[in-house]
Amino acid sequence: MNRLHLMLPMALAVTACSEATPEPPPGAEVAANGVASVPGPTRTPQALPTASGPGTAFGLTRQQLEDAHLVDTVGRELGEVERIETDASGEVTAAIVEVADTDPDRLVRLPITRLTAVANGAGWDLRAMTSREELIAMPQMER
């Protein structure tokens, strides 16, 4: 008899909990174990850059390059591109970068061969194979 008295409240609690379970949102798929998964928004991949000619690099225009942030290999911001250097033929040779969080501002020159372009939302970043400490140790450039 005592067992029945203990089991009845537990059975009622389980029934009450199962009735309170919300309906899955539209488009959700419910697995056999009762777990619902909702498909996330689909994201259109960014188109590959196609700019070419003098003043371009990685398929990016001069403006896209100068709007870029400098990031390390894991995406942490190292600085911002201040300007782009080109040779006499217009080929991009280096990025002059303002190193983040330096006082006074520190500008350094990074050869374009040490950079790669990576998509960042609607824009582009330049990834450097260098650390913040290495940037700070580089010779200071003038504005």
C-alpha atoms as a PDB file:
ATOM      1  CA  MET A   1       0.000   0.000   0.000  1.00  0.00           C
ATOM      2  CA  ASN A   2       2.845   2.427   0.860  1.00  0.00           C
ATOM      3  CA  ARG A   3       4.392   1.799  -2.552  1.00  0.00           C
ATOM      4  CA  LEU A   4       1.164   2.782  -4.271  1.00  0.00           C
ATOM      5  CA  HIS A   5       0.965   6.037  -2.303  1.00  0.00           C
ATOM      6  CA  LEU A   6       4.526   6.915  -3.362  1.00  0.00           C
ATOM      7  CA  MET A   7       4.111   5.992  -7.011  1.00  0.00           C
ATOM      8  CA  LEU A   8       0.839   7.847  -7.598  1.00  0.00           C
ATOM      9  CA  PRO A   9       2.292  11.372  -6.952  1.00  0.00           C
ATOM     10  CA  MET A  10       5.305  10.564  -9.144  1.00  0.00           C
ATOM     11  CA  ALA A  11       3.059   9.390 -11.975  1.00  0.00           C
ATOM     12  CA  LEU A  12       0.992  12.568 -11.708  1.00  0.00           C
ATOM     13  CA  ALA A  13       4.137  14.721 -11.763  1.00  0.00           C
ATOM     14  CA  VAL A  14       5.424  12.963 -14.889  1.00  0.00           C
ATOM     15  CA  THR A  15       2.062  13.415 -16.592  1.00  0.00           C
ATOM     16  CA  ALA A  16       1.981  17.107 -15.654  1.00  0.00           C
ATOM     17  CA  CYS A  17       5.494  17.645 -17.009  1.00  0.00           C
ATOM     18  CA  SER A  18       4.783  15.906 -20.278  1.00  0.00           C
ATOM     19  CA  GLU A  19       1.679  18.031 -20.846  1.00  0.00           C
ATOM     20  CA  ALA A  20       3.701  21.238 -20.304  1.00  0.00           C
ATOM     21  CA  THR A  21       6.190  20.404 -23.075  1.00  0.00           C
ATOM     22  CA  PRO A  22       5.975  23.178 -25.691  1.00  0.00           C
ATOM     23  CA  GLU A  23       5.347  22.434 -29.321  1.00  0.00           C
ATOM     24  CA  PRO A  24       8.476  22.583 -31.485  1.00  0.00           C
ATOM     25  CA  PRO A  25       8.698  25.629 -33.781  1.00  0.00           C
ATOM     26  CA  PRO A  26       7.628  25.322 -37.419  1.00  0.00           C
ATOM     27  CA  GLY A  27      10.251  23.619 -39.571  1.00  0.00           C
ATOM     28  CA  ALA A  28      11.753  21.718 -36.632  1.00  0.00           C
ATOM     29  CA  GLU A  29      12.569  18.058 -36.953  1.00  0.00           C
ATOM     30  CA  VAL A  30      11.877  15.907 -33.890  1.00  0.00           C
ATOM     31  CA  ALA A  31      14.168  12.900 -33.453  1.00  0.00           C
ATOM     32  CA  ALA A  32      13.005   9.559 -32.012  1.00  0.00           C
ATOM     33  CA  ASN A  33      14.459  10.589 -28.629  1.00  0.00           C
ATOM     34  CA  GLY A  34      12.212  13.681 -28.568  1.00  0.00           C
ATOM     35  CA  VAL A  35      14.953  16.233 -29.251  1.00  0.00           C
ATOM     36  CA  ALA A  36      13.884  18.934 -31.704  1.00  0.00           C
ATOM     37  CA  SER A  37      16.366  20.532 -34.069  1.00  0.00           C
ATOM     38  CA  VAL A  38      15.622  23.718 -35.945  1.00  0.00           C
ATOM     39  CA  PRO A  39      17.552  24.421 -39.122  1.00  0.00           C
ATOM     40  CA  GLY A  40      19.559  27.649 -38.824  1.00  0.00           C
ATOM     41  CA  PRO A  41      19.477  30.425 -41.361  1.00  0.00           C
ATOM     42  CA  THR A  42      21.348  29.630 -44.518  1.00  0.00           C
ATOM     43  CA  ARG A  43      24.236  31.957 -45.237  1.00  0.00           C
ATOM     44  CA  THR A  44      25.300  32.705 -48.741  1.00  0.00           C
ATOM     45  CA  PRO A  45      29.072  32.373 -48.991  1.00  0.00           C
ATOM     46  CA  GLN A  46      30.888  35.553 -49.875  1.00  0.00           C
ATOM     47  CA  ALA A  47      31.831  35.785 -53.527  1.00  0.00           C
ATOM     48  CA  LEU A  48      35.512  35.379 -54.256  1.00  0.00           C
ATOM     49  CA  PRO A  49      37.207  38.687 -55.020  1.00  0.00           C
ATOM     50  CA  THR A  50      38.034  39.289 -58.663  1.00  0.00           C
ATOM     51  CA  ALA A  51      39.739  42.695 -58.847  1.00  0.00           C
ATOM     52  CA  SER A  52      42.831  42.767 -61.015  1.00  0.00           C
ATOM     53  CA  GLY A  53      45.325  45.258 -62.311  1.00  0.00           C
ATOM     54  CA  PRO A  54      47.510  47.893 -60.671  1.00  0.00           C
ATOM     55  CA  GLY A  55      46.834  48.533 -56.981  1.00  0.00           C
ATOM     56  CA  THR A  56      45.116  45.196 -56.378  1.00  0.00           C
ATOM     57  CA  ALA A  57      46.153  42.147 -54.379  1.00  0.00           C
ATOM     58  CA  PHE A  58      44.364  38.903 -53.525  1.00  0.00           C
ATOM     59  CA  GLY A  59      41.664  39.987 -55.976  1.00  0.00           C
ATOM     60  CA  LEU A  60      40.819  42.952 -53.735  1.00  0.00           C
ATOM     61  CA  THR A  61      40.779  46.597 -54.784  1.00  0.00           C
ATOM     62  CA  ARG A  62      42.993  49.187 -53.140  1.00  0.00           C
ATOM     63  CA  GLN A  63      39.944  50.477 -51.212  1.00  0.00           C
ATOM     64  CA  GLN A  64      39.102  46.982 -49.919  1.00  0.00           C
ATOM     65  CA  LEU A  65      42.713  46.486 -48.839  1.00  0.00           C
ATOM     66  CA  GLU A  66      42.827  49.830 -47.030  1.00  0.00           C
ATOM     67  CA  ASP A  67      39.499  49.094 -45.303  1.00  0.00           C
ATOM     68  CA  ALA A  68      40.824  45.769 -43.998  1.00  0.00           C
ATOM     69  CA  HIS A  69      41.750  44.887 -40.453  1.00  0.00           C
ATOM     70  CA  LEU A  70      44.935  42.979 -39.736  1.00  0.00           C
ATOM     71  CA  VAL A  71      44.232  39.740 -37.843  1.00  0.00           C
ATOM     72  CA  ASP A  72      46.365  36.909 -36.527  1.00  0.00           C
ATOM     73  CA  THR A  73      46.001  33.241 -37.468  1.00  0.00           C
ATOM     74  CA  VAL A  74      43.049  32.744 -35.098  1.00  0.00           C
ATOM     75  CA  GLY A  75      41.214  35.937 -36.126  1.00  0.00           C
ATOM     76  CA  ARG A  76      42.215  38.256 -33.260  1.00  0.00           C
ATOM     77  CA  GLU A  77      42.626  41.833 -34.416  1.00  0.00           C
ATOM     78  CA  LEU A  78      46.217  43.042 -34.563  1.00  0.00           C
ATOM     79  CA  GLY A  79      45.589  46.410 -36.191  1.00  0.00           C
ATOM     80  CA  GLU A  80      44.180  48.274 -39.164  1.00  0.00           C
ATOM     81  CA  VAL A  81      45.579  48.859 -42.614  1.00  0.00           C
ATOM     82  CA  GLU A  82      46.535  52.527 -42.864  1.00  0.00           C
ATOM     83  CA  ARG A  83      47.648  52.500 -46.494  1.00  0.00           C
ATOM     84  CA  ILE A  84      48.949  50.262 -49.264  1.00  0.00           C
ATOM     85  CA  GLU A  85      52.372  50.636 -50.905  1.00  0.00           C
ATOM     86  CA  THR A  86      52.894  49.851 -54.575  1.00  0.00           C
ATOM     87  CA  ASP A  87      55.940  49.681 -56.813  1.00  0.00           C
ATOM     88  CA  ALA A  88      56.442  51.705 -60.021  1.00  0.00           C
ATOM     89  CA  SER A  89      54.243  49.287 -62.016  1.00  0.00           C
ATOM     90  CA  GLY A  90      51.376  49.559 -59.512  1.00  0.00           C
ATOM     91  CA  GLU A  91      51.878  46.116 -57.982  1.00  0.00           C
ATOM     92  CA  VAL A  92      51.056  46.046 -54.269  1.00  0.00           C
ATOM     93  CA  THR A  93      54.230  45.407 -52.275  1.00  0.00           C
ATOM     94  CA  ALA A  94      53.268  46.118 -48.651  1.00  0.00           C
ATOM     95  CA  ALA A  95      50.610  47.174 -46.184  1.00  0.00           C
ATOM     96  CA  ILE A  96      51.355  49.924 -43.688  1.00  0.00           C
ATOM     97  CA  VAL A  97      49.510  48.851 -40.556  1.00  0.00           C
ATOM     98  CA  GLU A  98      48.595  50.731 -37.384  1.00  0.00           C
ATOM     99  CA  VAL A  99      49.156  48.232 -34.577  1.00  0.00           C
ATOM    100  CA  ALA A 100      46.120  48.018 -32.275  1.00  0.00           C
ATOM    101  CA  ASP A 101      46.270  49.401 -28.739  1.00  0.00           C
ATOM    102  CA  THR A 102      49.579  51.225 -29.001  1.00  0.00           C
ATOM    103  CA  ASP A 103      50.164  54.663 -27.516  1.00  0.00           C
ATOM    104  CA  PRO A 104      51.521  56.505 -29.305  1.00  0.00           C
ATOM    105  CA  ASP A 105      50.181  54.905 -32.498  1.00  0.00           C
ATOM    106  CA  ARG A 106      52.697  52.558 -34.050  1.00  0.00           C
ATOM    107  CA  LEU A 107      52.838  52.055 -37.827  1.00  0.00           C
ATOM    108  CA  VAL A 108      54.758  49.126 -39.309  1.00  0.00           C
ATOM    109  CA  ARG A 109      55.367  47.874 -42.847  1.00  0.00           C
ATOM    110  CA  LEU A 110      54.281  44.311 -43.682  1.00  0.00           C
ATOM    111  CA  PRO A 111      55.304  42.856 -47.046  1.00  0.00           C
ATOM    112  CA  ILE A 112      52.251  41.671 -48.962  1.00  0.00           C
ATOM    113  CA  THR A 113      53.887  38.233 -49.243  1.00  0.00           C
ATOM    114  CA  ARG A 114      53.398  37.803 -45.465  1.00  0.00           C
ATOM    115  CA  LEU A 115      49.629  38.380 -45.718  1.00  0.00           C
ATOM    116  CA  THR A 116      46.555  36.510 -46.957  1.00  0.00           C
ATOM    117  CA  ALA A 117      43.007  37.775 -47.436  1.00  0.00           C
ATOM    118  CA  VAL A 118      40.194  36.210 -45.397  1.00  0.00           C
ATOM    119  CA  ALA A 119      36.470  36.934 -45.607  1.00  0.00           C
ATOM    120  CA  ASN A 120      34.900  38.730 -42.654  1.00  0.00           C
ATOM    121  CA  GLY A 121      31.161  39.239 -43.066  1.00  0.00           C
ATOM    122  CA  ALA A 122      30.677  41.587 -45.998  1.00  0.00           C
ATOM    123  CA  GLY A 123      34.320  42.706 -45.943  1.00  0.00           C
ATOM    124  CA  TRP A 124      37.825  41.311 -45.890  1.00  0.00           C
ATOM    125  CA  ASP A 125      40.610  41.045 -43.340  1.00  0.00           C
ATOM    126  CA  LEU A 126      44.300  40.534 -43.957  1.00  0.00           C
ATOM    127  CA  ARG A 127      45.739  37.637 -41.976  1.00  0.00           C
ATOM    128  CA  ALA A 128      49.328  37.974 -40.838  1.00  0.00           C
ATOM    129  CA  MET A 129      51.543  35.047 -39.937  1.00  0.00           C
ATOM    130  CA  THR A 130      52.969  37.116 -37.099  1.00  0.00           C
ATOM    131  CA  SER A 131      52.222  37.976 -33.488  1.00  0.00           C
ATOM    132  CA  ARG A 132      51.501  41.310 -31.856  1.00  0.00           C
ATOM    133  CA  GLU A 133      54.919  41.181 -30.181  1.00  0.00           C
ATOM    134  CA  GLU A 134      56.632  40.729 -33.562  1.00  0.00           C
ATOM    135  CA  LEU A 135      54.689  43.704 -34.970  1.00  0.00           C
ATOM    136  CA  ILE A 136      55.739  45.912 -32.072  1.00  0.00           C
ATOM    137  CA  ALA A 137      59.371  44.874 -32.561  1.00  0.00           C
ATOM    138  CA  MET A 138      59.308  45.952 -36.235  1.00  0.00           C
ATOM    139  CA  PRO A 139      60.749  49.341 -37.274  1.00  0.00           C
ATOM    140  CA  GLN A 140      58.376  52.301 -36.869  1.00  0.00           C
ATOM    141  CA  MET A 141      57.026  53.864 -40.099  1.00  0.00           C
ATOM    142  CA  GLU A 142      56.126  57.535 -40.521  1.00  0.00           C
ATOM    143  CA  ARG A 143      52.574  58.627 -41.298  1.00  0.00           C
END
